[in-house]
Amino acid sequence: MLGWKVSVAMETRAILCPVDFSSSSELALQFASQLAQQFGAALHLAYVEESP
């Protein structure tokens, strides 16, 4: 082993949060919103509905 260290800096520019209008989804949205504010990132929501 050479003992090298690698450091990677990541920039969070956008956060994608899936929603289904459940109570769990609401909590996830609140968390994603807080993260987006902390990182100065855009928050995108995704809702997908299955066709009958």
N, C-alpha and C. Protein backbone atom coordinates (compact mmCIF):
# COMPACT_ATOMS: atom_id res chain seq x y z
N MET A 1 0.85 -1.18 0.00
CA MET A 1 0.00 0.00 0.00
C MET A 1 0.89 1.24 0.00
N LEU A 2 0.58 2.19 -0.86
CA LEU A 2 1.40 3.39 -0.99
C LEU A 2 1.04 4.48 0.01
N GLY A 3 -0.14 4.40 0.61
CA GLY A 3 -0.53 5.41 1.59
C GLY A 3 -0.99 6.72 0.97
N TRP A 4 -1.45 6.71 -0.24
CA TRP A 4 -1.93 7.93 -0.89
C TRP A 4 -3.31 8.27 -0.37
N LYS A 5 -3.56 9.55 -0.27
CA LYS A 5 -4.89 10.01 0.10
C LYS A 5 -5.48 10.77 -1.07
N VAL A 6 -6.74 10.52 -1.34
CA VAL A 6 -7.43 11.21 -2.41
C VAL A 6 -8.56 12.01 -1.79
N SER A 7 -8.62 13.27 -2.13
CA SER A 7 -9.69 14.13 -1.62
C SER A 7 -10.54 14.60 -2.80
N VAL A 8 -11.83 14.44 -2.67
CA VAL A 8 -12.74 14.83 -3.74
C VAL A 8 -13.72 15.85 -3.19
N ALA A 9 -13.80 16.98 -3.85
CA ALA A 9 -14.78 18.00 -3.46
C ALA A 9 -15.94 17.94 -4.44
N MET A 10 -17.13 17.88 -3.90
CA MET A 10 -18.32 17.82 -4.75
C MET A 10 -19.15 19.07 -4.53
N GLU A 11 -19.70 19.57 -5.59
CA GLU A 11 -20.60 20.72 -5.51
C GLU A 11 -22.02 20.23 -5.78
N THR A 12 -22.91 20.49 -4.83
CA THR A 12 -24.30 20.10 -4.99
C THR A 12 -25.05 21.27 -5.61
N ARG A 13 -25.49 21.10 -6.85
CA ARG A 13 -26.19 22.18 -7.54
C ARG A 13 -27.68 21.94 -7.65
N ALA A 14 -28.09 20.68 -7.58
CA ALA A 14 -29.51 20.35 -7.70
C ALA A 14 -29.83 19.12 -6.87
N ILE A 15 -31.03 19.11 -6.30
CA ILE A 15 -31.51 17.98 -5.51
C ILE A 15 -32.84 17.55 -6.10
N LEU A 16 -32.97 16.25 -6.34
CA LEU A 16 -34.21 15.68 -6.88
C LEU A 16 -34.92 14.94 -5.75
N CYS A 17 -36.17 15.31 -5.50
CA CYS A 17 -36.95 14.68 -4.43
C CYS A 17 -38.22 14.07 -5.02
N PRO A 18 -38.37 12.75 -4.93
CA PRO A 18 -39.61 12.12 -5.40
C PRO A 18 -40.73 12.36 -4.40
N VAL A 19 -41.92 12.63 -4.88
CA VAL A 19 -43.07 12.87 -4.00
C VAL A 19 -44.25 12.01 -4.44
N ASP A 20 -45.04 11.58 -3.45
CA ASP A 20 -46.27 10.84 -3.74
C ASP A 20 -47.42 11.33 -2.85
N PHE A 21 -47.19 12.46 -2.19
CA PHE A 21 -48.19 13.13 -1.35
C PHE A 21 -48.54 12.35 -0.09
N SER A 22 -47.69 11.40 0.31
CA SER A 22 -47.88 10.69 1.58
C SER A 22 -47.20 11.48 2.70
N SER A 23 -47.42 11.07 3.94
CA SER A 23 -46.76 11.75 5.06
C SER A 23 -45.25 11.54 5.03
N SER A 24 -44.81 10.36 4.59
CA SER A 24 -43.37 10.10 4.46
C SER A 24 -42.76 11.00 3.39
N SER A 25 -43.49 11.18 2.32
CA SER A 25 -43.03 12.03 1.24
C SER A 25 -42.91 13.48 1.71
N GLU A 26 -43.83 13.91 2.55
CA GLU A 26 -43.79 15.27 3.08
C GLU A 26 -42.54 15.48 3.92
N LEU A 27 -42.18 14.49 4.74
CA LEU A 27 -40.96 14.59 5.54
C LEU A 27 -39.72 14.64 4.65
N ALA A 28 -39.71 13.81 3.61
CA ALA A 28 -38.58 13.81 2.68
C ALA A 28 -38.45 15.16 1.99
N LEU A 29 -39.58 15.76 1.64
CA LEU A 29 -39.57 17.06 0.99
C LEU A 29 -39.03 18.14 1.93
N GLN A 30 -39.42 18.09 3.19
CA GLN A 30 -38.90 19.06 4.16
C GLN A 30 -37.38 18.92 4.30
N PHE A 31 -36.90 17.69 4.36
CA PHE A 31 -35.46 17.44 4.47
C PHE A 31 -34.73 17.92 3.22
N ALA A 32 -35.27 17.60 2.06
CA ALA A 32 -34.65 18.01 0.80
C ALA A 32 -34.63 19.53 0.68
N SER A 33 -35.68 20.18 1.14
CA SER A 33 -35.74 21.64 1.11
C SER A 33 -34.65 22.25 1.98
N GLN A 34 -34.45 21.69 3.16
CA GLN A 34 -33.39 22.18 4.05
C GLN A 34 -32.02 21.98 3.43
N LEU A 35 -31.80 20.83 2.83
CA LEU A 35 -30.52 20.58 2.16
C LEU A 35 -30.28 21.56 1.02
N ALA A 36 -31.31 21.79 0.23
CA ALA A 36 -31.19 22.72 -0.90
C ALA A 36 -30.82 24.12 -0.40
N GLN A 37 -31.43 24.55 0.68
CA GLN A 37 -31.11 25.86 1.24
C GLN A 37 -29.68 25.90 1.74
N GLN A 38 -29.23 24.86 2.43
CA GLN A 38 -27.87 24.81 2.96
C GLN A 38 -26.82 24.87 1.85
N PHE A 39 -27.08 24.17 0.76
CA PHE A 39 -26.11 24.10 -0.33
C PHE A 39 -26.34 25.15 -1.41
N GLY A 40 -27.40 25.93 -1.29
CA GLY A 40 -27.72 26.89 -2.34
C GLY A 40 -28.06 26.18 -3.64
N ALA A 41 -28.71 25.04 -3.53
CA ALA A 41 -29.01 24.20 -4.69
C ALA A 41 -30.46 24.36 -5.11
N ALA A 42 -30.72 24.05 -6.36
CA ALA A 42 -32.09 24.02 -6.87
C ALA A 42 -32.76 22.74 -6.38
N LEU A 43 -34.04 22.83 -6.08
CA LEU A 43 -34.81 21.66 -5.63
C LEU A 43 -35.83 21.32 -6.71
N HIS A 44 -35.76 20.09 -7.20
CA HIS A 44 -36.69 19.61 -8.22
C HIS A 44 -37.53 18.48 -7.62
N LEU A 45 -38.82 18.51 -7.88
CA LEU A 45 -39.72 17.47 -7.40
C LEU A 45 -40.13 16.58 -8.57
N ALA A 46 -40.29 15.29 -8.27
CA ALA A 46 -40.71 14.35 -9.30
C ALA A 46 -41.91 13.56 -8.80
N TYR A 47 -42.98 13.59 -9.58
CA TYR A 47 -44.17 12.80 -9.28
C TYR A 47 -44.50 11.99 -10.52
N VAL A 48 -44.58 10.69 -10.37
CA VAL A 48 -44.89 9.81 -11.49
C VAL A 48 -46.14 9.03 -11.15
N GLU A 49 -47.06 9.00 -12.08
CA GLU A 49 -48.31 8.28 -11.88
C GLU A 49 -48.40 7.15 -12.89
N GLU A 50 -48.77 5.98 -12.42
CA GLU A 50 -48.90 4.83 -13.30
C GLU A 50 -50.19 4.94 -14.12
N SER A 51 -50.09 4.65 -15.39
CA SER A 51 -51.27 4.66 -16.25
C SER A 51 -52.11 3.43 -15.98
N PRO A 52 -53.45 3.58 -15.99
CA PRO A 52 -54.31 2.41 -15.75
C PRO A 52 -54.28 1.42 -16.90
